[in-house]
Amino acid sequence: LKRWAEKNSFDLLTNTLVLNKQGKFEFVYSYDCNGIGKVKRINDFIDVNKFERILAYGDSSGDLEMLNMADEAYFKPFS
């Protein structure tokens, strides 16, 4: 995902995966990027007040707080 974002000139805000001692991937959070943590991550990265309109797209319950901060919100769960 990182290479795709760079190739398309997108900033990528995501959790980080590391390989633990048991050889399994686990998340490393500066804070949990779900729920209110997702909103915090967005606000730490960019001043949303500088934008006239905010659009948000989500697909899980962890996106609800982010969707609530948007002027236009779109929700489509993966099926």
Protein backbone atom coordinates (compact mmCIF):
# COMPACT_ATOMS: atom_id res chain seq x y z
CA LEU A 1 0.00 0.00 0.00
CA LYS A 2 2.87 2.36 0.81
CA ARG A 3 4.39 2.04 -2.66
CA TRP A 4 1.00 2.58 -4.33
CA ALA A 5 0.36 5.70 -2.23
CA GLU A 6 3.79 7.12 -3.05
CA LYS A 7 3.38 6.34 -6.76
CA ASN A 8 0.02 8.16 -6.79
CA SER A 9 1.19 11.07 -4.60
CA PHE A 10 -1.06 10.19 -1.66
CA ASP A 11 -0.20 10.51 2.01
CA LEU A 12 -0.81 7.27 3.85
CA LEU A 13 -2.07 7.23 7.42
CA THR A 14 -2.09 3.68 8.64
CA ASN A 15 -1.09 1.36 11.41
CA THR A 16 2.30 -0.30 11.24
CA LEU A 17 2.86 -4.05 11.18
CA VAL A 18 5.92 -5.71 12.67
CA LEU A 19 6.99 -9.33 12.88
CA ASN A 20 6.99 -10.41 16.54
CA LYS A 21 9.28 -12.98 18.20
CA GLN A 22 6.77 -15.74 17.45
CA GLY A 23 6.98 -14.99 13.73
CA LYS A 24 3.50 -13.47 13.56
CA PHE A 25 2.54 -10.00 12.40
CA GLU A 26 1.17 -7.58 14.96
CA PHE A 27 0.15 -3.94 14.88
CA VAL A 28 2.25 -1.19 16.40
CA TYR A 29 0.15 1.86 17.26
CA SER A 30 1.24 5.32 18.12
CA TYR A 31 -2.42 5.22 19.15
CA ASP A 32 -5.19 2.93 17.98
CA CYS A 33 -6.22 4.01 14.50
CA ASN A 34 -9.85 3.07 15.09
CA GLY A 35 -12.75 5.08 16.37
CA ILE A 36 -11.68 8.30 18.08
CA GLY A 37 -8.02 7.33 17.48
CA LYS A 38 -8.61 7.61 13.74
CA VAL A 39 -9.99 11.14 14.20
CA LYS A 40 -6.98 12.03 16.37
CA ARG A 41 -4.59 10.66 13.75
CA ILE A 42 -6.26 12.73 11.02
CA ASN A 43 -6.26 15.90 13.14
CA ASP A 44 -2.60 15.40 14.08
CA PHE A 45 -1.70 15.09 10.39
CA ILE A 46 -3.75 17.92 8.91
CA ASP A 47 -5.78 20.94 10.01
CA VAL A 48 -9.24 19.97 8.79
CA ASN A 49 -10.50 23.49 9.51
CA LYS A 50 -8.56 24.71 6.48
CA PHE A 51 -10.93 22.84 4.18
CA GLU A 52 -14.28 24.06 2.98
CA ARG A 53 -15.74 20.56 2.81
CA ILE A 54 -14.69 17.19 4.26
CA LEU A 55 -15.67 13.91 2.58
CA ALA A 56 -15.07 10.58 4.30
CA TYR A 57 -15.40 6.98 3.23
CA GLY A 58 -15.61 4.11 5.71
CA ASP A 59 -16.26 0.40 5.77
CA SER A 60 -16.27 -0.64 9.44
CA SER A 61 -17.51 0.41 12.88
CA GLY A 62 -13.99 1.78 13.51
CA ASP A 63 -14.74 4.49 10.94
CA LEU A 64 -17.91 5.89 12.54
CA GLU A 65 -16.23 8.76 14.44
CA MET A 66 -14.34 9.77 11.30
CA LEU A 67 -17.57 9.68 9.29
CA ASN A 68 -19.27 11.86 11.91
CA MET A 69 -16.63 14.59 11.50
CA ALA A 70 -17.26 14.81 7.74
CA ASP A 71 -19.63 17.07 5.86
CA GLU A 72 -20.34 14.17 3.50
CA ALA A 73 -19.95 10.60 4.73
CA TYR A 74 -20.15 7.36 2.78
CA PHE A 75 -20.31 3.98 4.48
CA LYS A 76 -20.03 0.66 2.66
CA PRO A 77 -19.04 -2.41 4.65
CA PHE A 78 -17.04 -5.12 2.89
CA SER A 79 -19.20 -8.16 2.29
